[in-house]
Amino acid sequence: MSFVEKYGPWALIAVIEAVDGREIGLFINNAGSDYNNANFLEQTLAGWEALAQLDVMNVLRNTYYFAGKMRARRRGGIILVGSGACYGGLSGKAVYSAVKSFDLCLGEALWAELRHDGVDVLNLILGQTDTPAHRQILAELGLPVPANLASADAVAELGLERLPHGPICNFGSADDEPGVAPNSPAHRRARILAVEKASQVYTKKN
């Protein structure tokens, strides 16, 4: 039974075909714009299910596929590109903030697990960034493009720089600064390590 037959198709089929047997050393999940841009009951259920499929199930399946191969080689890196919406529910962003919170917790847990196997994991949390999807939303709303948007190049450079120091990097804020979050990446990292140490009796990890 193939991986796709066992765990489901969706976008994973296209990804596996594009990879075509190559050894992938770095997987970056950069999908997940809130293309619905609506209050919860102002969009169809199907619309929200599609967003959850994109940001939850596709992230889960693709990450599982690449993480497994990286762990077997005992090297590799995974970057889950997220949004500041992950840190709490927002009016007009109910499902988007929920799915981004899922991605955040997934990335933190994978960082804790896979760092023992030579695989780096980072949640790269963005604010307003100059992307085609963001520009499309602004255009649909008749709004100008802000002058202070983060550039894609700057975001990519920071993500690669901070990858070895996961599990979180908030673009525009230092490691010990909360920024838009309730606590800093350094604080969250320390909490994860403390919980891991306290729970070793159950997980039997060194």
N, C-alpha and C. Protein backbone atom coordinates (compact mmCIF):
# COMPACT_ATOMS: atom_id res chain seq x y z
N MET A 1 0.85 -1.20 0.00
CA MET A 1 0.00 0.00 0.00
C MET A 1 0.88 1.25 0.00
N SER A 2 0.62 2.18 -0.93
CA SER A 2 1.42 3.40 -1.02
C SER A 2 1.05 4.36 0.10
N PHE A 3 1.91 5.36 0.29
CA PHE A 3 1.65 6.38 1.32
C PHE A 3 0.32 7.07 1.05
N VAL A 4 0.07 7.45 -0.19
CA VAL A 4 -1.17 8.14 -0.54
C VAL A 4 -2.39 7.27 -0.28
N GLU A 5 -2.30 5.98 -0.66
CA GLU A 5 -3.42 5.06 -0.42
C GLU A 5 -3.71 4.91 1.06
N LYS A 6 -2.66 4.98 1.88
CA LYS A 6 -2.83 4.78 3.32
C LYS A 6 -3.33 6.03 4.02
N TYR A 7 -2.80 7.20 3.63
CA TYR A 7 -3.09 8.42 4.38
C TYR A 7 -3.97 9.42 3.64
N GLY A 8 -4.34 9.17 2.40
CA GLY A 8 -5.25 10.07 1.71
C GLY A 8 -4.55 10.90 0.66
N PRO A 9 -5.27 11.31 -0.38
CA PRO A 9 -4.65 12.02 -1.50
C PRO A 9 -4.55 13.52 -1.29
N TRP A 10 -5.59 14.24 -1.71
CA TRP A 10 -5.61 15.70 -1.69
C TRP A 10 -4.39 16.26 -2.42
N ALA A 11 -3.79 17.27 -1.88
CA ALA A 11 -2.66 17.91 -2.57
C ALA A 11 -1.42 17.05 -2.51
N LEU A 12 -1.41 16.05 -1.65
CA LEU A 12 -0.20 15.25 -1.49
C LEU A 12 0.19 14.52 -2.76
N ILE A 13 -0.79 14.10 -3.55
CA ILE A 13 -0.48 13.41 -4.80
C ILE A 13 0.36 14.32 -5.71
N ALA A 14 -0.08 15.55 -5.86
CA ALA A 14 0.65 16.50 -6.72
C ALA A 14 2.05 16.77 -6.18
N VAL A 15 2.17 16.86 -4.85
CA VAL A 15 3.47 17.13 -4.24
C VAL A 15 4.43 15.96 -4.48
N ILE A 16 3.97 14.75 -4.24
CA ILE A 16 4.82 13.58 -4.43
C ILE A 16 5.25 13.46 -5.90
N GLU A 17 4.33 13.73 -6.82
CA GLU A 17 4.67 13.66 -8.24
C GLU A 17 5.69 14.74 -8.61
N ALA A 18 5.56 15.94 -8.02
CA ALA A 18 6.50 17.02 -8.32
C ALA A 18 7.89 16.71 -7.77
N VAL A 19 7.93 16.09 -6.60
CA VAL A 19 9.22 15.73 -6.00
C VAL A 19 9.92 14.66 -6.83
N ASP A 20 9.15 13.72 -7.36
CA ASP A 20 9.66 12.70 -8.29
C ASP A 20 10.87 11.94 -7.73
N GLY A 21 10.78 11.52 -6.47
CA GLY A 21 11.83 10.70 -5.89
C GLY A 21 13.04 11.44 -5.38
N ARG A 22 13.08 12.76 -5.52
CA ARG A 22 14.24 13.53 -5.06
C ARG A 22 14.31 13.53 -3.53
N GLU A 23 15.52 13.65 -3.02
CA GLU A 23 15.70 13.80 -1.58
C GLU A 23 15.46 15.26 -1.22
N ILE A 24 14.44 15.53 -0.41
CA ILE A 24 14.09 16.89 -0.03
C ILE A 24 14.68 17.20 1.34
N GLY A 25 15.58 18.16 1.38
CA GLY A 25 16.23 18.52 2.64
C GLY A 25 15.49 19.59 3.41
N LEU A 26 14.65 20.39 2.72
CA LEU A 26 13.91 21.46 3.37
C LEU A 26 12.49 21.50 2.82
N PHE A 27 11.51 21.35 3.70
CA PHE A 27 10.11 21.45 3.31
C PHE A 27 9.53 22.72 3.91
N ILE A 28 9.00 23.60 3.06
CA ILE A 28 8.38 24.84 3.52
C ILE A 28 6.91 24.80 3.16
N ASN A 29 6.04 24.80 4.17
CA ASN A 29 4.60 24.87 3.92
C ASN A 29 4.20 26.34 3.93
N ASN A 30 3.89 26.87 2.75
CA ASN A 30 3.60 28.30 2.63
C ASN A 30 2.22 28.54 2.03
N ALA A 31 1.30 27.59 2.22
CA ALA A 31 -0.06 27.75 1.73
C ALA A 31 -0.98 28.13 2.89
N GLY A 32 -2.02 28.91 2.59
CA GLY A 32 -2.98 29.14 3.65
C GLY A 32 -3.51 30.54 3.81
N SER A 33 -3.63 31.29 2.74
CA SER A 33 -4.24 32.61 2.83
C SER A 33 -5.73 32.49 3.14
N ASP A 34 -6.28 33.47 3.87
CA ASP A 34 -7.72 33.47 4.18
C ASP A 34 -8.48 34.07 3.01
N TYR A 35 -8.64 33.27 1.96
CA TYR A 35 -9.30 33.76 0.75
C TYR A 35 -10.79 34.00 0.95
N ASN A 36 -11.39 33.46 2.03
CA ASN A 36 -12.81 33.71 2.31
C ASN A 36 -13.03 35.13 2.81
N ASN A 37 -12.18 35.58 3.74
CA ASN A 37 -12.23 36.96 4.24
C ASN A 37 -13.65 37.37 4.62
N ALA A 38 -14.26 36.62 5.53
CA ALA A 38 -15.65 36.87 5.90
C ALA A 38 -15.91 36.45 7.34
N ASN A 39 -16.99 36.99 7.92
CA ASN A 39 -17.43 36.49 9.22
C ASN A 39 -17.92 35.05 9.05
N PHE A 40 -17.94 34.32 10.14
CA PHE A 40 -18.20 32.88 10.11
C PHE A 40 -19.49 32.53 9.36
N LEU A 41 -20.60 33.17 9.69
CA LEU A 41 -21.89 32.82 9.10
C LEU A 41 -22.16 33.55 7.79
N GLU A 42 -21.19 34.31 7.31
CA GLU A 42 -21.34 34.99 6.03
C GLU A 42 -20.67 34.20 4.90
N GLN A 43 -20.16 33.02 5.22
CA GLN A 43 -19.55 32.14 4.22
C GLN A 43 -20.21 30.78 4.34
N THR A 44 -20.22 30.04 3.26
CA THR A 44 -20.82 28.70 3.31
C THR A 44 -19.95 27.76 4.13
N LEU A 45 -20.55 26.71 4.64
CA LEU A 45 -19.79 25.70 5.36
C LEU A 45 -18.73 25.08 4.46
N ALA A 46 -19.09 24.88 3.20
CA ALA A 46 -18.13 24.30 2.25
C ALA A 46 -16.89 25.19 2.11
N GLY A 47 -17.10 26.50 2.15
CA GLY A 47 -15.97 27.42 2.07
C GLY A 47 -15.02 27.27 3.24
N TRP A 48 -15.59 27.11 4.43
CA TRP A 48 -14.75 26.94 5.62
C TRP A 48 -14.09 25.56 5.63
N GLU A 49 -14.80 24.56 5.17
CA GLU A 49 -14.21 23.23 5.11
C GLU A 49 -13.01 23.20 4.16
N ALA A 50 -13.12 23.95 3.06
CA ALA A 50 -12.02 24.02 2.12
C ALA A 50 -10.80 24.68 2.76
N LEU A 51 -11.03 25.73 3.56
CA LEU A 51 -9.92 26.40 4.23
C LEU A 51 -9.28 25.47 5.26
N ALA A 52 -10.11 24.72 6.00
CA ALA A 52 -9.58 23.77 6.97
C ALA A 52 -8.81 22.65 6.27
N GLN A 53 -9.29 22.23 5.11
CA GLN A 53 -8.59 21.21 4.33
C GLN A 53 -7.20 21.71 3.94
N LEU A 54 -7.13 22.96 3.49
CA LEU A 54 -5.88 23.55 3.06
C LEU A 54 -4.90 23.70 4.22
N ASP A 55 -5.37 24.26 5.32
CA ASP A 55 -4.48 24.64 6.41
C ASP A 55 -4.31 23.59 7.49
N VAL A 56 -5.14 22.56 7.50
CA VAL A 56 -5.01 21.51 8.50
C VAL A 56 -4.61 20.19 7.85
N MET A 57 -5.50 19.63 7.04
CA MET A 57 -5.24 18.28 6.51
C MET A 57 -4.08 18.26 5.52
N ASN A 58 -3.99 19.26 4.64
CA ASN A 58 -2.86 19.27 3.71
C ASN A 58 -1.54 19.50 4.43
N VAL A 59 -1.54 20.38 5.42
CA VAL A 59 -0.33 20.60 6.23
C VAL A 59 0.05 19.31 6.94
N LEU A 60 -0.94 18.65 7.54
CA LEU A 60 -0.69 17.42 8.27
C LEU A 60 -0.12 16.34 7.36
N ARG A 61 -0.75 16.11 6.22
CA ARG A 61 -0.32 15.04 5.32
C ARG A 61 1.07 15.31 4.72
N ASN A 62 1.27 16.52 4.21
CA ASN A 62 2.55 16.83 3.60
C ASN A 62 3.68 16.80 4.62
N THR A 63 3.44 17.35 5.81
CA THR A 63 4.47 17.36 6.84
C THR A 63 4.79 15.93 7.29
N TYR A 64 3.78 15.10 7.43
CA TYR A 64 4.00 13.71 7.82
C TYR A 64 4.87 13.01 6.79
N TYR A 65 4.58 13.24 5.52
CA TYR A 65 5.33 12.59 4.45
C TYR A 65 6.80 12.98 4.48
N PHE A 66 7.09 14.28 4.51
CA PHE A 66 8.48 14.73 4.46
C PHE A 66 9.22 14.50 5.78
N ALA A 67 8.53 14.68 6.90
CA ALA A 67 9.17 14.46 8.20
C ALA A 67 9.63 13.01 8.36
N GLY A 68 8.82 12.09 7.86
CA GLY A 68 9.20 10.68 7.95
C GLY A 68 10.49 10.38 7.23
N LYS A 69 10.64 10.94 6.05
CA LYS A 69 11.85 10.71 5.26
C LYS A 69 13.06 11.40 5.90
N MET A 70 12.84 12.60 6.45
CA MET A 70 13.93 13.32 7.11
C MET A 70 14.39 12.61 8.36
N ARG A 71 13.46 12.10 9.14
CA ARG A 71 13.84 11.38 10.35
C ARG A 71 14.64 10.12 10.02
N ALA A 72 14.23 9.45 8.95
CA ALA A 72 14.97 8.25 8.54
C ALA A 72 16.41 8.59 8.16
N ARG A 73 16.62 9.77 7.54
CA ARG A 73 17.98 10.20 7.17
C ARG A 73 18.70 10.89 8.32
N ARG A 74 17.93 11.26 9.36
CA ARG A 74 18.44 11.99 10.53
C ARG A 74 19.02 13.35 10.12
N ARG A 75 18.32 14.01 9.21
CA ARG A 75 18.67 15.39 8.85
C ARG A 75 17.52 15.97 8.03
N GLY A 76 17.39 17.29 8.11
CA GLY A 76 16.36 17.97 7.33
C GLY A 76 15.79 19.15 8.09
N GLY A 77 14.95 19.92 7.42
CA GLY A 77 14.33 21.09 8.03
C GLY A 77 12.91 21.28 7.53
N ILE A 78 12.04 21.74 8.43
CA ILE A 78 10.64 21.99 8.10
C ILE A 78 10.27 23.38 8.59
N ILE A 79 9.74 24.21 7.70
CA ILE A 79 9.24 25.53 8.08
C ILE A 79 7.75 25.59 7.78
N LEU A 80 6.97 25.85 8.82
CA LEU A 80 5.54 26.05 8.67
C LEU A 80 5.28 27.55 8.74
N VAL A 81 4.94 28.13 7.61
CA VAL A 81 4.69 29.58 7.56
C VAL A 81 3.30 29.85 8.12
N GLY A 82 3.25 30.67 9.16
CA GLY A 82 1.99 30.94 9.84
C GLY A 82 1.64 32.41 9.88
N SER A 83 0.65 32.72 10.66
CA SER A 83 0.14 34.09 10.78
C SER A 83 -0.02 34.44 12.24
N GLY A 84 0.12 35.73 12.55
CA GLY A 84 -0.10 36.20 13.91
C GLY A 84 -1.50 35.90 14.41
N ALA A 85 -2.41 35.55 13.49
CA ALA A 85 -3.76 35.17 13.89
C ALA A 85 -3.77 33.90 14.72
N CYS A 86 -2.66 33.16 14.72
CA CYS A 86 -2.60 31.89 15.45
C CYS A 86 -2.67 32.08 16.96
N TYR A 87 -2.42 33.30 17.43
CA TYR A 87 -2.31 33.51 18.88
C TYR A 87 -3.65 33.81 19.56
N GLY A 88 -4.74 33.81 18.82
CA GLY A 88 -6.04 34.03 19.45
C GLY A 88 -7.13 34.25 18.42
N GLY A 89 -8.37 33.98 18.82
CA GLY A 89 -9.49 34.17 17.91
C GLY A 89 -9.72 35.64 17.60
N LEU A 90 -10.09 35.92 16.34
CA LEU A 90 -10.28 37.29 15.89
C LEU A 90 -11.62 37.41 15.17
N SER A 91 -12.29 38.51 15.37
CA SER A 91 -13.53 38.77 14.65
C SER A 91 -13.25 38.80 13.15
N GLY A 92 -14.05 38.06 12.40
CA GLY A 92 -13.85 37.99 10.95
C GLY A 92 -12.78 36.99 10.54
N LYS A 93 -12.14 36.34 11.53
CA LYS A 93 -11.08 35.38 11.23
C LYS A 93 -11.26 34.11 12.07
N ALA A 94 -12.50 33.70 12.29
CA ALA A 94 -12.76 32.59 13.20
C ALA A 94 -12.06 31.31 12.76
N VAL A 95 -12.30 30.88 11.54
CA VAL A 95 -11.71 29.63 11.07
C VAL A 95 -10.23 29.82 10.77
N TYR A 96 -9.88 30.94 10.20
CA TYR A 96 -8.46 31.20 9.88
C TYR A 96 -7.60 31.18 11.12
N SER A 97 -8.02 31.86 12.19
CA SER A 97 -7.23 31.86 13.41
C SER A 97 -7.20 30.46 14.03
N ALA A 98 -8.28 29.70 13.88
CA ALA A 98 -8.33 28.35 14.43
C ALA A 98 -7.36 27.41 13.71
N VAL A 99 -7.35 27.46 12.38
CA VAL A 99 -6.47 26.55 11.65
C VAL A 99 -5.01 26.95 11.82
N LYS A 100 -4.74 28.24 11.93
CA LYS A 100 -3.36 28.67 12.16
C LYS A 100 -2.89 28.30 13.56
N SER A 101 -3.80 28.25 14.53
CA SER A 101 -3.45 27.78 15.87
C SER A 101 -3.09 26.30 15.83
N PHE A 102 -3.83 25.54 15.03
CA PHE A 102 -3.50 24.13 14.84
C PHE A 102 -2.08 23.98 14.31
N ASP A 103 -1.75 24.74 13.26
CA ASP A 103 -0.42 24.65 12.67
C ASP A 103 0.66 25.03 13.68
N LEU A 104 0.39 26.05 14.50
CA LEU A 104 1.36 26.48 15.51
C LEU A 104 1.65 25.36 16.50
N CYS A 105 0.60 24.75 17.05
CA CYS A 105 0.78 23.68 18.03
C CYS A 105 1.45 22.46 17.39
N LEU A 106 1.08 22.17 16.16
CA LEU A 106 1.72 21.06 15.45
C LEU A 106 3.22 21.31 15.31
N GLY A 107 3.58 22.50 14.88
CA GLY A 107 4.99 22.82 14.70
C GLY A 107 5.78 22.79 15.99
N GLU A 108 5.20 23.31 17.06
CA GLU A 108 5.88 23.27 18.36
C GLU A 108 6.14 21.83 18.79
N ALA A 109 5.13 20.99 18.67
CA ALA A 109 5.28 19.59 19.09
C ALA A 109 6.29 18.85 18.22
N LEU A 110 6.26 19.12 16.91
CA LEU A 110 7.22 18.46 16.02
C LEU A 110 8.64 18.91 16.31
N TRP A 111 8.80 20.18 16.66
CA TRP A 111 10.13 20.66 17.05
C TRP A 111 10.63 19.87 18.25
N ALA A 112 9.76 19.71 19.24
CA ALA A 112 10.15 18.98 20.45
C ALA A 112 10.51 17.53 20.14
N GLU A 113 9.76 16.90 19.25
CA GLU A 113 9.99 15.49 18.94
C GLU A 113 11.18 15.28 18.00
N LEU A 114 11.22 16.04 16.91
CA LEU A 114 12.16 15.74 15.84
C LEU A 114 13.56 16.30 16.07
N ARG A 115 13.70 17.22 17.02
CA ARG A 115 15.04 17.74 17.29
C ARG A 115 15.96 16.63 17.80
N HIS A 116 15.39 15.57 18.36
CA HIS A 116 16.19 14.42 18.81
C HIS A 116 16.67 13.59 17.63
N ASP A 117 16.11 13.82 16.46
CA ASP A 117 16.44 13.01 15.27
C ASP A 117 17.15 13.81 14.20
N GLY A 118 17.67 14.99 14.54
CA GLY A 118 18.42 15.79 13.58
C GLY A 118 17.57 16.59 12.61
N VAL A 119 16.28 16.76 12.90
CA VAL A 119 15.38 17.51 12.01
C VAL A 119 14.96 18.80 12.70
N ASP A 120 15.21 19.93 12.05
CA ASP A 120 14.83 21.24 12.58
C ASP A 120 13.40 21.58 12.15
N VAL A 121 12.63 22.19 13.05
CA VAL A 121 11.26 22.61 12.75
C VAL A 121 11.07 24.03 13.25
N LEU A 122 10.47 24.86 12.40
CA LEU A 122 10.23 26.26 12.77
C LEU A 122 8.84 26.71 12.33
N ASN A 123 8.11 27.33 13.25
CA ASN A 123 6.92 28.10 12.89
C ASN A 123 7.38 29.52 12.57
N LEU A 124 7.27 29.93 11.33
CA LEU A 124 7.63 31.28 10.93
C LEU A 124 6.35 32.11 10.88
N ILE A 125 6.14 32.91 11.92
CA ILE A 125 4.87 33.63 12.08
C ILE A 125 5.00 35.04 11.51
N LEU A 126 4.13 35.34 10.55
CA LEU A 126 4.21 36.61 9.83
C LEU A 126 3.13 37.59 10.27
N GLY A 127 3.43 38.85 10.04
CA GLY A 127 2.42 39.89 10.11
C GLY A 127 1.98 40.20 8.68
N GLN A 128 1.77 41.46 8.37
CA GLN A 128 1.36 41.82 7.01
C GLN A 128 2.56 41.71 6.06
N THR A 129 2.41 40.86 5.06
CA THR A 129 3.50 40.54 4.16
C THR A 129 3.07 40.75 2.71
N ASP A 130 3.99 41.20 1.90
CA ASP A 130 3.69 41.50 0.50
C ASP A 130 3.63 40.19 -0.31
N THR A 131 2.43 39.62 -0.39
CA THR A 131 2.21 38.40 -1.16
C THR A 131 1.11 38.64 -2.19
N PRO A 132 1.07 37.84 -3.24
CA PRO A 132 -0.01 37.99 -4.23
C PRO A 132 -1.40 37.86 -3.60
N ALA A 133 -1.57 36.93 -2.65
CA ALA A 133 -2.87 36.74 -2.02
C ALA A 133 -3.28 37.98 -1.21
N HIS A 134 -2.32 38.56 -0.51
CA HIS A 134 -2.61 39.77 0.27
C HIS A 134 -2.99 40.93 -0.65
N ARG A 135 -2.27 41.06 -1.73
CA ARG A 135 -2.58 42.13 -2.68
C ARG A 135 -3.96 41.93 -3.32
N GLN A 136 -4.32 40.67 -3.56
CA GLN A 136 -5.62 40.39 -4.14
C GLN A 136 -6.75 40.81 -3.19
N ILE A 137 -6.58 40.48 -1.91
CA ILE A 137 -7.59 40.87 -0.92
C ILE A 137 -7.71 42.38 -0.82
N LEU A 138 -6.58 43.07 -0.81
CA LEU A 138 -6.61 44.54 -0.76
C LEU A 138 -7.32 45.11 -1.98
N ALA A 139 -7.04 44.52 -3.14
CA ALA A 139 -7.67 45.01 -4.37
C ALA A 139 -9.18 44.79 -4.34
N GLU A 140 -9.60 43.63 -3.85
CA GLU A 140 -11.03 43.33 -3.76
C GLU A 140 -11.75 44.29 -2.82
N LEU A 141 -11.04 44.75 -1.79
CA LEU A 141 -11.63 45.68 -0.82
C LEU A 141 -11.45 47.14 -1.24
N GLY A 142 -10.75 47.36 -2.34
CA GLY A 142 -10.50 48.72 -2.81
C GLY A 142 -9.54 49.49 -1.94
N LEU A 143 -8.61 48.77 -1.29
CA LEU A 143 -7.66 49.40 -0.37
C LEU A 143 -6.29 49.52 -1.02
N PRO A 144 -5.52 50.56 -0.69
CA PRO A 144 -4.17 50.69 -1.23
C PRO A 144 -3.22 49.70 -0.56
N VAL A 145 -2.11 49.41 -1.22
CA VAL A 145 -1.10 48.54 -0.64
C VAL A 145 -0.30 49.33 0.38
N PRO A 146 -0.27 48.91 1.64
CA PRO A 146 0.48 49.64 2.67
C PRO A 146 1.96 49.70 2.35
N ALA A 147 2.60 50.77 2.81
CA ALA A 147 4.03 50.95 2.53
C ALA A 147 4.90 50.09 3.44
N ASN A 148 4.34 49.60 4.55
CA ASN A 148 5.15 48.89 5.54
C ASN A 148 5.03 47.38 5.46
N LEU A 149 4.58 46.84 4.33
CA LEU A 149 4.49 45.39 4.20
C LEU A 149 5.89 44.77 4.23
N ALA A 150 6.02 43.65 4.93
CA ALA A 150 7.28 42.92 4.93
C ALA A 150 7.52 42.32 3.55
N SER A 151 8.75 42.34 3.09
CA SER A 151 9.05 41.77 1.78
C SER A 151 9.23 40.26 1.89
N ALA A 152 8.90 39.57 0.82
CA ALA A 152 9.04 38.11 0.80
C ALA A 152 10.49 37.70 0.99
N ASP A 153 11.42 38.46 0.42
CA ASP A 153 12.84 38.13 0.55
C ASP A 153 13.30 38.21 2.00
N ALA A 154 12.87 39.27 2.69
CA ALA A 154 13.26 39.43 4.10
C ALA A 154 12.69 38.30 4.96
N VAL A 155 11.46 37.92 4.68
CA VAL A 155 10.83 36.83 5.42
C VAL A 155 11.58 35.52 5.19
N ALA A 156 11.93 35.23 3.94
CA ALA A 156 12.63 33.99 3.61
C ALA A 156 14.00 33.94 4.28
N GLU A 157 14.72 35.05 4.24
CA GLU A 157 16.05 35.10 4.84
C GLU A 157 15.98 34.85 6.35
N LEU A 158 15.00 35.48 7.01
CA LEU A 158 14.87 35.30 8.45
C LEU A 158 14.49 33.86 8.78
N GLY A 159 13.59 33.28 8.01
CA GLY A 159 13.18 31.91 8.26
C GLY A 159 14.35 30.94 8.20
N LEU A 160 15.20 31.07 7.20
CA LEU A 160 16.35 30.19 7.07
C LEU A 160 17.36 30.44 8.20
N GLU A 161 17.48 31.69 8.60
CA GLU A 161 18.41 32.03 9.69
C GLU A 161 17.96 31.43 11.01
N ARG A 162 16.64 31.47 11.27
CA ARG A 162 16.11 31.02 12.57
C ARG A 162 15.72 29.55 12.60
N LEU A 163 15.77 28.86 11.47
CA LEU A 163 15.36 27.46 11.42
C LEU A 163 16.04 26.59 12.49
N PRO A 164 17.35 26.74 12.72
CA PRO A 164 17.99 25.88 13.73
C PRO A 164 17.60 26.22 15.16
N HIS A 165 16.85 27.31 15.35
CA HIS A 165 16.56 27.78 16.71
C HIS A 165 15.07 27.74 17.03
N GLY A 166 14.31 26.85 16.38
CA GLY A 166 12.85 26.79 16.56
C GLY A 166 12.44 26.81 18.02
N PRO A 167 11.18 26.67 18.28
CA PRO A 167 10.12 26.31 17.33
C PRO A 167 9.38 27.49 16.71
N ILE A 168 9.66 28.74 17.17
CA ILE A 168 8.88 29.88 16.69
C ILE A 168 9.80 31.06 16.39
N CYS A 169 9.48 31.75 15.32
CA CYS A 169 10.07 33.06 15.04
C CYS A 169 8.95 33.99 14.61
N ASN A 170 8.77 35.07 15.35
CA ASN A 170 7.79 36.08 14.99
C ASN A 170 8.49 37.16 14.18
N PHE A 171 8.13 37.29 12.92
CA PHE A 171 8.79 38.28 12.07
C PHE A 171 8.61 39.68 12.67
N GLY A 172 9.72 40.41 12.79
CA GLY A 172 9.68 41.77 13.31
C GLY A 172 9.91 41.88 14.80
N SER A 173 10.03 40.73 15.50
CA SER A 173 10.25 40.75 16.94
C SER A 173 11.43 39.84 17.29
N ALA A 174 12.17 40.23 18.33
CA ALA A 174 13.29 39.42 18.78
C ALA A 174 12.80 38.17 19.49
N ASP A 175 13.70 37.23 19.69
CA ASP A 175 13.34 35.95 20.30
C ASP A 175 12.75 36.11 21.70
N ASP A 176 13.20 37.13 22.42
CA ASP A 176 12.73 37.32 23.80
C ASP A 176 11.63 38.37 23.90
N GLU A 177 11.05 38.77 22.78
CA GLU A 177 9.96 39.76 22.77
C GLU A 177 8.66 39.08 22.37
N PRO A 178 7.56 39.36 23.07
CA PRO A 178 6.27 38.76 22.71
C PRO A 178 5.75 39.21 21.35
N GLY A 179 5.98 40.48 21.00
CA GLY A 179 5.40 40.99 19.77
C GLY A 179 3.88 40.96 19.85
N VAL A 180 3.22 40.33 18.87
CA VAL A 180 1.76 40.23 18.88
C VAL A 180 1.27 39.05 19.71
N ALA A 181 2.19 38.25 20.23
CA ALA A 181 1.82 37.04 20.98
C ALA A 181 1.68 37.34 22.47
N PRO A 182 1.03 36.46 23.21
CA PRO A 182 0.93 36.64 24.66
C PRO A 182 2.26 36.39 25.37
N ASN A 183 3.17 35.65 24.73
CA ASN A 183 4.49 35.43 25.31
C ASN A 183 5.50 35.25 24.18
N SER A 184 6.78 35.33 24.53
CA SER A 184 7.83 35.33 23.51
C SER A 184 8.15 33.91 23.04
N PRO A 185 8.80 33.79 21.88
CA PRO A 185 9.27 32.47 21.44
C PRO A 185 10.18 31.81 22.46
N ALA A 186 11.05 32.59 23.10
CA ALA A 186 11.95 32.03 24.10
C ALA A 186 11.17 31.44 25.27
N HIS A 187 10.11 32.13 25.69
CA HIS A 187 9.28 31.63 26.78
C HIS A 187 8.57 30.34 26.38
N ARG A 188 8.03 30.31 25.18
CA ARG A 188 7.31 29.11 24.72
C ARG A 188 8.28 27.94 24.57
N ARG A 189 9.49 28.21 24.08
CA ARG A 189 10.50 27.16 23.95
C ARG A 189 10.83 26.56 25.32
N ALA A 190 11.04 27.43 26.30
CA ALA A 190 11.36 26.96 27.64
C ALA A 190 10.22 26.13 28.24
N ARG A 191 8.98 26.55 27.97
CA ARG A 191 7.83 25.81 28.48
C ARG A 191 7.76 24.41 27.87
N ILE A 192 7.99 24.33 26.56
CA ILE A 192 7.95 23.03 25.89
C ILE A 192 9.00 22.10 26.45
N LEU A 193 10.22 22.62 26.66
CA LEU A 193 11.30 21.80 27.19
C LEU A 193 11.02 21.36 28.63
N ALA A 194 10.40 22.26 29.42
CA ALA A 194 10.07 21.91 30.79
C ALA A 194 9.01 20.81 30.84
N VAL A 195 8.01 20.92 29.99
CA VAL A 195 6.96 19.90 29.95
C VAL A 195 7.55 18.58 29.46
N GLU A 196 8.42 18.64 28.47
CA GLU A 196 9.06 17.42 27.96
C GLU A 196 9.84 16.72 29.06
N LYS A 197 10.59 17.49 29.83
CA LYS A 197 11.39 16.91 30.90
C LYS A 197 10.50 16.29 31.97
N ALA A 198 9.42 17.00 32.32
CA ALA A 198 8.52 16.50 33.36
C ALA A 198 7.76 15.25 32.93
N SER A 199 7.55 15.10 31.62
CA SER A 199 6.75 13.98 31.13
C SER A 199 7.58 12.80 30.64
N GLN A 200 8.88 12.85 30.82
CA GLN A 200 9.73 11.77 30.32
C GLN A 200 9.39 10.42 30.92
N VAL A 201 8.87 10.44 32.14
CA VAL A 201 8.51 9.17 32.78
C VAL A 201 7.40 8.48 31.99
N TYR A 202 6.59 9.25 31.24
CA TYR A 202 5.52 8.68 30.46
C TYR A 202 5.93 8.37 29.03
N THR A 203 6.76 9.25 28.46
CA THR A 203 7.15 9.08 27.06
C THR A 203 8.40 8.24 26.87
N LYS A 204 9.19 8.08 27.93
CA LYS A 204 10.42 7.31 27.90
C LYS A 204 11.40 7.88 26.89
N LYS A 205 11.45 9.23 26.77
CA LYS A 205 12.43 9.87 25.89
C LYS A 205 13.61 10.33 26.71
N ASN A 206 14.79 10.34 26.07
CA ASN A 206 15.98 10.80 26.76
C ASN A 206 16.12 12.30 26.61
